[in-house]
Each structure stands twice: as structure tokens, then as C-alpha cells.
Amino acid sequence: MIGQHCDAGMTAFERKAFAAAAESFDLCINADPNRAYAYYYAGLAYYELDRVDLMVARFETFVRLAPDAPERPQVESILKTTRG
């Protein structure tokens, strides 16, 4: 079930269906709160939807769960810019 939500999220994200992607990634997060990349892609989807509040929440969790991820500098830069 978890994999299905994540797969659906990736498919929707690639199709630029960002609302569907965010919903699928959030379902994945609810099923497995330790899945770091679900937070990352949910954050990107919420960014595209101009939901900065949700983007920040997802990115903060991603950074906490995946401190050594190669995407971390990019995510931290976005968070720093958002926070001002």
C-alpha cells in the first residue's frame, strides 16, 4: 500500500499533476512517517501549488529524516529564502 501511494505520487508529479502528487505523497507519509523522500517530493509539489506553509513543513521533516541527502543543500536554501 505504501509503495502504491509513493508510485502514484511520482507518476502524478512527472505529469505535473501537483495536487494529486501532494495528496499521494501525504498518504505515503501517513502510512510510513519515516519515508524521507515522500516529504521531499510532497514539499516540491506544495511549492508548485504555492502552499508555502505545507512546503516548509514537509521540507523541514525531510531535512531531519535525511541529513546526508544530496538534496539537502537545495532544500535548506529554499527554507532559508522562505523564512527570510
PDB file of N, CA and C in Angstrom:
ATOM      1  N   MET A   1       0.831  -1.210   0.000  1.00  0.00           N
ATOM      2  CA  MET A   1       0.000   0.000   0.000  1.00  0.00           C
ATOM      3  C   MET A   1       0.861   1.254   0.000  1.00  0.00           C
ATOM      4  N   ILE A   2       1.890   1.281   0.838  1.00  0.00           N
ATOM      5  CA  ILE A   2       2.759   2.458   0.911  1.00  0.00           C
ATOM      6  C   ILE A   2       3.397   2.718  -0.446  1.00  0.00           C
ATOM      7  N   GLY A   3       3.943   1.664  -1.039  1.00  0.00           N
ATOM      8  CA  GLY A   3       4.582   1.800  -2.336  1.00  0.00           C
ATOM      9  C   GLY A   3       3.640   2.306  -3.406  1.00  0.00           C
ATOM     10  N   GLN A   4       2.390   1.871  -3.340  1.00  0.00           N
ATOM     11  CA  GLN A   4       1.409   2.328  -4.324  1.00  0.00           C
ATOM     12  C   GLN A   4       1.188   3.829  -4.223  1.00  0.00           C
ATOM     13  N   HIS A   5       1.115   4.352  -2.994  1.00  0.00           N
ATOM     14  CA  HIS A   5       0.923   5.792  -2.814  1.00  0.00           C
ATOM     15  C   HIS A   5       2.123   6.566  -3.340  1.00  0.00           C
ATOM     16  N   CYS A   6       3.310   6.070  -3.026  1.00  0.00           N
ATOM     17  CA  CYS A   6       4.530   6.747  -3.480  1.00  0.00           C
ATOM     18  C   CYS A   6       4.650   6.680  -5.000  1.00  0.00           C
ATOM     19  N   ASP A   7       4.349   5.518  -5.575  1.00  0.00           N
ATOM     20  CA  ASP A   7       4.393   5.378  -7.037  1.00  0.00           C
ATOM     21  C   ASP A   7       3.379   6.300  -7.706  1.00  0.00           C
ATOM     22  N   ALA A   8       2.185   6.361  -7.137  1.00  0.00           N
ATOM     23  CA  ALA A   8       1.154   7.252  -7.690  1.00  0.00           C
ATOM     24  C   ALA A   8       1.600   8.701  -7.586  1.00  0.00           C
ATOM     25  N   GLY A   9       2.247   9.037  -6.484  1.00  0.00           N
ATOM     26  CA  GLY A   9       2.753  10.394  -6.307  1.00  0.00           C
ATOM     27  C   GLY A   9       3.801  10.745  -7.347  1.00  0.00           C
ATOM     28  N   MET A  10       4.726   9.819  -7.612  1.00  0.00           N
ATOM     29  CA  MET A  10       5.764  10.070  -8.615  1.00  0.00           C
ATOM     30  C   MET A  10       5.162  10.220 -10.007  1.00  0.00           C
ATOM     31  N   THR A  11       4.211   9.365 -10.317  1.00  0.00           N
ATOM     32  CA  THR A  11       3.560   9.441 -11.624  1.00  0.00           C
ATOM     33  C   THR A  11       2.846  10.780 -11.785  1.00  0.00           C
ATOM     34  N   ALA A  12       2.105  11.182 -10.774  1.00  0.00           N
ATOM     35  CA  ALA A  12       1.397  12.463 -10.830  1.00  0.00           C
ATOM     36  C   ALA A  12       2.379  13.621 -10.909  1.00  0.00           C
ATOM     37  N   PHE A  13       3.465  13.541 -10.147  1.00  0.00           N
ATOM     38  CA  PHE A  13       4.466  14.607 -10.158  1.00  0.00           C
ATOM     39  C   PHE A  13       5.076  14.750 -11.549  1.00  0.00           C
ATOM     40  N   GLU A  14       5.444  13.632 -12.160  1.00  0.00           N
ATOM     41  CA  GLU A  14       6.031  13.671 -13.500  1.00  0.00           C
ATOM     42  C   GLU A  14       5.066  14.246 -14.530  1.00  0.00           C
ATOM     43  N   ARG A  15       3.784  14.063 -14.299  1.00  0.00           N
ATOM     44  CA  ARG A  15       2.761  14.601 -15.201  1.00  0.00           C
ATOM     45  C   ARG A  15       2.373  16.037 -14.848  1.00  0.00           C
ATOM     46  N   LYS A  16       3.029  16.573 -13.845  1.00  0.00           N
ATOM     47  CA  LYS A  16       2.771  17.926 -13.354  1.00  0.00           C
ATOM     48  C   LYS A  16       1.370  18.087 -12.766  1.00  0.00           C
ATOM     49  N   ALA A  17       0.810  16.978 -12.284  1.00  0.00           N
ATOM     50  CA  ALA A  17      -0.465  16.990 -11.571  1.00  0.00           C
ATOM     51  C   ALA A  17      -0.119  17.124 -10.086  1.00  0.00           C
ATOM     52  N   PHE A  18       0.267  18.334  -9.707  1.00  0.00           N
ATOM     53  CA  PHE A  18       0.868  18.546  -8.391  1.00  0.00           C
ATOM     54  C   PHE A  18      -0.097  18.338  -7.229  1.00  0.00           C
ATOM     55  N   ALA A  19      -1.366  18.647  -7.399  1.00  0.00           N
ATOM     56  CA  ALA A  19      -2.330  18.404  -6.319  1.00  0.00           C
ATOM     57  C   ALA A  19      -2.465  16.905  -6.053  1.00  0.00           C
ATOM     58  N   ALA A  20      -2.563  16.120  -7.107  1.00  0.00           N
ATOM     59  CA  ALA A  20      -2.651  14.665  -6.950  1.00  0.00           C
ATOM     60  C   ALA A  20      -1.353  14.114  -6.372  1.00  0.00           C
ATOM     61  N   ALA A  21      -0.228  14.667  -6.797  1.00  0.00           N
ATOM     62  CA  ALA A  21       1.066  14.218  -6.273  1.00  0.00           C
ATOM     63  C   ALA A  21       1.159  14.486  -4.781  1.00  0.00           C
ATOM     64  N   ALA A  22       0.818  15.688  -4.375  1.00  0.00           N
ATOM     65  CA  ALA A  22       0.880  16.040  -2.955  1.00  0.00           C
ATOM     66  C   ALA A  22      -0.020  15.128  -2.129  1.00  0.00           C
ATOM     67  N   GLU A  23      -1.214  14.873  -2.624  1.00  0.00           N
ATOM     68  CA  GLU A  23      -2.147  14.000  -1.911  1.00  0.00           C
ATOM     69  C   GLU A  23      -1.574  12.584  -1.774  1.00  0.00           C
ATOM     70  N   SER A  24      -1.021  12.066  -2.845  1.00  0.00           N
ATOM     71  CA  SER A  24      -0.444  10.715  -2.806  1.00  0.00           C
ATOM     72  C   SER A  24       0.749  10.643  -1.864  1.00  0.00           C
ATOM     73  N   PHE A  25       1.622  11.651  -1.916  1.00  0.00           N
ATOM     74  CA  PHE A  25       2.773  11.641  -1.018  1.00  0.00           C
ATOM     75  C   PHE A  25       2.348  11.787   0.437  1.00  0.00           C
ATOM     76  N   ASP A  26       1.312  12.560   0.687  1.00  0.00           N
ATOM     77  CA  ASP A  26       0.817  12.670   2.064  1.00  0.00           C
ATOM     78  C   ASP A  26       0.238  11.336   2.548  1.00  0.00           C
ATOM     79  N   LEU A  27      -0.418  10.600   1.668  1.00  0.00           N
ATOM     80  CA  LEU A  27      -0.906   9.263   2.031  1.00  0.00           C
ATOM     81  C   LEU A  27       0.273   8.339   2.341  1.00  0.00           C
ATOM     82  N   CYS A  28       1.317   8.459   1.560  1.00  0.00           N
ATOM     83  CA  CYS A  28       2.529   7.673   1.800  1.00  0.00           C
ATOM     84  C   CYS A  28       3.133   8.032   3.156  1.00  0.00           C
ATOM     85  N   ILE A  29       3.187   9.325   3.468  1.00  0.00           N
ATOM     86  CA  ILE A  29       3.713   9.806   4.749  1.00  0.00           C
ATOM     87  C   ILE A  29       2.866   9.290   5.903  1.00  0.00           C
ATOM     88  N   ASN A  30       1.547   9.322   5.744  1.00  0.00           N
ATOM     89  CA  ASN A  30       0.665   8.829   6.805  1.00  0.00           C
ATOM     90  C   ASN A  30       0.873   7.345   7.066  1.00  0.00           C
ATOM     91  N   ALA A  31       1.159   6.598   6.010  1.00  0.00           N
ATOM     92  CA  ALA A  31       1.370   5.159   6.153  1.00  0.00           C
ATOM     93  C   ALA A  31       2.756   4.840   6.723  1.00  0.00           C
ATOM     94  N   ASP A  32       3.748   5.680   6.402  1.00  0.00           N
ATOM     95  CA  ASP A  32       5.116   5.464   6.880  1.00  0.00           C
ATOM     96  C   ASP A  32       5.780   6.815   7.103  1.00  0.00           C
ATOM     97  N   PRO A  33       5.666   7.358   8.317  1.00  0.00           N
ATOM     98  CA  PRO A  33       6.188   8.691   8.604  1.00  0.00           C
ATOM     99  C   PRO A  33       7.707   8.830   8.525  1.00  0.00           C
ATOM    100  N   ASN A  34       8.418   7.748   8.295  1.00  0.00           N
ATOM    101  CA  ASN A  34       9.877   7.816   8.195  1.00  0.00           C
ATOM    102  C   ASN A  34      10.378   7.784   6.762  1.00  0.00           C
ATOM    103  N   ARG A  35       9.498   7.870   5.798  1.00  0.00           N
ATOM    104  CA  ARG A  35       9.884   7.817   4.389  1.00  0.00           C
ATOM    105  C   ARG A  35      10.293   9.225   3.938  1.00  0.00           C
ATOM    106  N   ALA A  36      11.574   9.524   4.069  1.00  0.00           N
ATOM    107  CA  ALA A  36      12.092  10.877   3.857  1.00  0.00           C
ATOM    108  C   ALA A  36      11.744  11.451   2.488  1.00  0.00           C
ATOM    109  N   TYR A  37      11.910  10.659   1.452  1.00  0.00           N
ATOM    110  CA  TYR A  37      11.693  11.211   0.114  1.00  0.00           C
ATOM    111  C   TYR A  37      10.222  11.488  -0.195  1.00  0.00           C
ATOM    112  N   ALA A  38       9.310  10.907   0.535  1.00  0.00           N
ATOM    113  CA  ALA A  38       7.905  11.285   0.385  1.00  0.00           C
ATOM    114  C   ALA A  38       7.720  12.727   0.845  1.00  0.00           C
ATOM    115  N   TYR A  39       8.424  13.112   1.907  1.00  0.00           N
ATOM    116  CA  TYR A  39       8.376  14.500   2.365  1.00  0.00           C
ATOM    117  C   TYR A  39       9.006  15.437   1.345  1.00  0.00           C
ATOM    118  N   TYR A  40      10.109  14.994   0.778  1.00  0.00           N
ATOM    119  CA  TYR A  40      10.810  15.819  -0.220  1.00  0.00           C
ATOM    120  C   TYR A  40       9.899  16.106  -1.417  1.00  0.00           C
ATOM    121  N   TYR A  41       9.345  15.058  -1.992  1.00  0.00           N
ATOM    122  CA  TYR A  41       8.504  15.259  -3.178  1.00  0.00           C
ATOM    123  C   TYR A  41       7.187  15.948  -2.840  1.00  0.00           C
ATOM    124  N   ALA A  42       6.656  15.696  -1.653  1.00  0.00           N
ATOM    125  CA  ALA A  42       5.463  16.441  -1.230  1.00  0.00           C
ATOM    126  C   ALA A  42       5.800  17.919  -1.123  1.00  0.00           C
ATOM    127  N   GLY A  43       6.976  18.233  -0.575  1.00  0.00           N
ATOM    128  CA  GLY A  43       7.405  19.629  -0.484  1.00  0.00           C
ATOM    129  C   GLY A  43       7.517  20.274  -1.852  1.00  0.00           C
ATOM    130  N   LEU A  44       8.091  19.569  -2.810  1.00  0.00           N
ATOM    131  CA  LEU A  44       8.188  20.107  -4.166  1.00  0.00           C
ATOM    132  C   LEU A  44       6.806  20.321  -4.778  1.00  0.00           C
ATOM    133  N   ALA A  45       5.905  19.380  -4.544  1.00  0.00           N
ATOM    134  CA  ALA A  45       4.547  19.519  -5.083  1.00  0.00           C
ATOM    135  C   ALA A  45       3.840  20.719  -4.454  1.00  0.00           C
ATOM    136  N   TYR A  46       3.980  20.864  -3.136  1.00  0.00           N
ATOM    137  CA  TYR A  46       3.342  22.013  -2.477  1.00  0.00           C
ATOM    138  C   TYR A  46       3.969  23.330  -2.924  1.00  0.00           C
ATOM    139  N   TYR A  47       5.246  23.319  -3.237  1.00  0.00           N
ATOM    140  CA  TYR A  47       5.897  24.510  -3.794  1.00  0.00           C
ATOM    141  C   TYR A  47       5.206  24.904  -5.095  1.00  0.00           C
ATOM    142  N   GLU A  48       4.981  23.938  -5.960  1.00  0.00           N
ATOM    143  CA  GLU A  48       4.316  24.199  -7.243  1.00  0.00           C
ATOM    144  C   GLU A  48       2.876  24.667  -7.062  1.00  0.00           C
ATOM    145  N   LEU A  49       2.262  24.269  -5.967  1.00  0.00           N
ATOM    146  CA  LEU A  49       0.876  24.663  -5.680  1.00  0.00           C
ATOM    147  C   LEU A  49       0.803  25.976  -4.904  1.00  0.00           C
ATOM    148  N   ASP A  50       1.966  26.588  -4.654  1.00  0.00           N
ATOM    149  CA  ASP A  50       2.056  27.836  -3.893  1.00  0.00           C
ATOM    150  C   ASP A  50       1.491  27.690  -2.486  1.00  0.00           C
ATOM    151  N   ARG A  51       1.731  26.529  -1.886  1.00  0.00           N
ATOM    152  CA  ARG A  51       1.351  26.268  -0.494  1.00  0.00           C
ATOM    153  C   ARG A  51       2.630  26.238   0.336  1.00  0.00           C
ATOM    154  N   VAL A  52       3.167  27.415   0.567  1.00  0.00           N
ATOM    155  CA  VAL A  52       4.457  27.556   1.231  1.00  0.00           C
ATOM    156  C   VAL A  52       4.422  26.953   2.633  1.00  0.00           C
ATOM    157  N   ASP A  53       3.319  27.091   3.336  1.00  0.00           N
ATOM    158  CA  ASP A  53       3.215  26.545   4.687  1.00  0.00           C
ATOM    159  C   ASP A  53       3.418  25.036   4.695  1.00  0.00           C
ATOM    160  N   LEU A  54       2.782  24.351   3.763  1.00  0.00           N
ATOM    161  CA  LEU A  54       2.903  22.897   3.690  1.00  0.00           C
ATOM    162  C   LEU A  54       4.265  22.485   3.130  1.00  0.00           C
ATOM    163  N   MET A  55       4.781  23.271   2.193  1.00  0.00           N
ATOM    164  CA  MET A  55       6.111  23.001   1.657  1.00  0.00           C
ATOM    165  C   MET A  55       7.155  23.053   2.768  1.00  0.00           C
ATOM    166  N   VAL A  56       7.108  24.098   3.574  1.00  0.00           N
ATOM    167  CA  VAL A  56       8.073  24.260   4.659  1.00  0.00           C
ATOM    168  C   VAL A  56       7.975  23.088   5.636  1.00  0.00           C
ATOM    169  N   ALA A  57       6.780  22.712   6.012  1.00  0.00           N
ATOM    170  CA  ALA A  57       6.604  21.598   6.955  1.00  0.00           C
ATOM    171  C   ALA A  57       7.187  20.305   6.393  1.00  0.00           C
ATOM    172  N   ARG A  58       6.933  20.030   5.108  1.00  0.00           N
ATOM    173  CA  ARG A  58       7.452  18.795   4.513  1.00  0.00           C
ATOM    174  C   ARG A  58       8.969  18.848   4.372  1.00  0.00           C
ATOM    175  N   PHE A  59       9.501  19.983   3.948  1.00  0.00           N
ATOM    176  CA  PHE A  59      10.954  20.104   3.788  1.00  0.00           C
ATOM    177  C   PHE A  59      11.686  20.035   5.126  1.00  0.00           C
ATOM    178  N   GLU A  60      11.127  20.629   6.162  1.00  0.00           N
ATOM    179  CA  GLU A  60      11.776  20.556   7.480  1.00  0.00           C
ATOM    180  C   GLU A  60      11.884  19.106   7.948  1.00  0.00           C
ATOM    181  N   THR A  61      10.841  18.341   7.718  1.00  0.00           N
ATOM    182  CA  THR A  61      10.872  16.929   8.106  1.00  0.00           C
ATOM    183  C   THR A  61      11.854  16.154   7.244  1.00  0.00           C
ATOM    184  N   PHE A  62      11.894  16.453   5.954  1.00  0.00           N
ATOM    185  CA  PHE A  62      12.855  15.789   5.070  1.00  0.00           C
ATOM    186  C   PHE A  62      14.281  15.999   5.563  1.00  0.00           C
ATOM    187  N   VAL A  63      14.629  17.239   5.891  1.00  0.00           N
ATOM    188  CA  VAL A  63      15.990  17.549   6.357  1.00  0.00           C
ATOM    189  C   VAL A  63      16.295  16.788   7.643  1.00  0.00           C
ATOM    190  N   ARG A  64      15.319  16.691   8.517  1.00  0.00           N
ATOM    191  CA  ARG A  64      15.517  15.969   9.778  1.00  0.00           C
ATOM    192  C   ARG A  64      15.707  14.471   9.550  1.00  0.00           C
ATOM    193  N   LEU A  65      14.929  13.903   8.624  1.00  0.00           N
ATOM    194  CA  LEU A  65      14.996  12.469   8.377  1.00  0.00           C
ATOM    195  C   LEU A  65      16.171  12.055   7.493  1.00  0.00           C
ATOM    196  N   ALA A  66      16.621  12.954   6.636  1.00  0.00           N
ATOM    197  CA  ALA A  66      17.683  12.613   5.676  1.00  0.00           C
ATOM    198  C   ALA A  66      18.802  13.655   5.723  1.00  0.00           C
ATOM    199  N   PRO A  67      19.522  13.724   6.844  1.00  0.00           N
ATOM    200  CA  PRO A  67      20.535  14.772   6.992  1.00  0.00           C
ATOM    201  C   PRO A  67      21.681  14.692   5.986  1.00  0.00           C
ATOM    202  N   ASP A  68      21.907  13.542   5.396  1.00  0.00           N
ATOM    203  CA  ASP A  68      23.004  13.382   4.438  1.00  0.00           C
ATOM    204  C   ASP A  68      22.537  13.324   2.985  1.00  0.00           C
ATOM    205  N   ALA A  69      21.274  13.632   2.743  1.00  0.00           N
ATOM    206  CA  ALA A  69      20.730  13.562   1.387  1.00  0.00           C
ATOM    207  C   ALA A  69      21.394  14.598   0.484  1.00  0.00           C
ATOM    208  N   PRO A  70      21.671  14.234  -0.756  1.00  0.00           N
ATOM    209  CA  PRO A  70      22.288  15.200  -1.672  1.00  0.00           C
ATOM    210  C   PRO A  70      21.393  16.410  -1.969  1.00  0.00           C
ATOM    211  N   GLU A  71      20.092  16.276  -1.756  1.00  0.00           N
ATOM    212  CA  GLU A  71      19.153  17.385  -1.992  1.00  0.00           C
ATOM    213  C   GLU A  71      19.131  18.380  -0.835  1.00  0.00           C
ATOM    214  N   ARG A  72      19.758  18.022   0.280  1.00  0.00           N
ATOM    215  CA  ARG A  72      19.675  18.858   1.480  1.00  0.00           C
ATOM    216  C   ARG A  72      20.105  20.314   1.246  1.00  0.00           C
ATOM    217  N   PRO A  73      21.246  20.591   0.596  1.00  0.00           N
ATOM    218  CA  PRO A  73      21.614  21.997   0.397  1.00  0.00           C
ATOM    219  C   PRO A  73      20.550  22.797  -0.358  1.00  0.00           C
ATOM    220  N   GLN A  74      19.963  22.190  -1.384  1.00  0.00           N
ATOM    221  CA  GLN A  74      18.909  22.865  -2.140  1.00  0.00           C
ATOM    222  C   GLN A  74      17.700  23.138  -1.242  1.00  0.00           C
ATOM    223  N   VAL A  75      17.300  22.139  -0.469  1.00  0.00           N
ATOM    224  CA  VAL A  75      16.137  22.280   0.410  1.00  0.00           C
ATOM    225  C   VAL A  75      16.413  23.329   1.485  1.00  0.00           C
ATOM    226  N   GLU A  76      17.584  23.306   2.071  1.00  0.00           N
ATOM    227  CA  GLU A  76      17.921  24.298   3.101  1.00  0.00           C
ATOM    228  C   GLU A  76      17.955  25.707   2.518  1.00  0.00           C
ATOM    229  N   SER A  77      18.403  25.843   1.285  1.00  0.00           N
ATOM    230  CA  SER A  77      18.405  27.145   0.625  1.00  0.00           C
ATOM    231  C   SER A  77      16.980  27.653   0.437  1.00  0.00           C
ATOM    232  N   ILE A  78      16.092  26.776   0.007  1.00  0.00           N
ATOM    233  CA  ILE A  78      14.679  27.153  -0.156  1.00  0.00           C
ATOM    234  C   ILE A  78      14.089  27.543   1.198  1.00  0.00           C
ATOM    235  N   LEU A  79      14.371  26.763   2.230  1.00  0.00           N
ATOM    236  CA  LEU A  79      13.842  27.075   3.557  1.00  0.00           C
ATOM    237  C   LEU A  79      14.381  28.416   4.050  1.00  0.00           C
ATOM    238  N   LYS A  80      15.649  28.674   3.832  1.00  0.00           N
ATOM    239  CA  LYS A  80      16.261  29.929   4.290  1.00  0.00           C
ATOM    240  C   LYS A  80      15.606  31.111   3.570  1.00  0.00           C
ATOM    241  N   THR A  81      15.408  30.978   2.255  1.00  0.00           N
ATOM    242  CA  THR A  81      14.766  32.044   1.482  1.00  0.00           C
ATOM    243  C   THR A  81      13.329  32.276   1.947  1.00  0.00           C
ATOM    244  N   THR A  82      12.634  31.194   2.232  1.00  0.00           N
ATOM    245  CA  THR A  82      11.231  31.283   2.660  1.00  0.00           C
ATOM    246  C   THR A  82      11.109  31.954   4.025  1.00  0.00           C
ATOM    247  N   ARG A  83      12.035  31.631   4.900  1.00  0.00           N
ATOM    248  CA  ARG A  83      11.989  32.186   6.252  1.00  0.00           C
ATOM    249  C   ARG A  83      12.462  33.638   6.303  1.00  0.00           C
ATOM    250  N   GLY A  84      13.160  34.054   5.260  1.00  0.00           N
ATOM    251  CA  GLY A  84      13.644  35.442   5.183  1.00  0.00           C
ATOM    252  C   GLY A  84      14.840  35.614   5.980  1.00  0.00           C
TER     253      GLY A  84
END
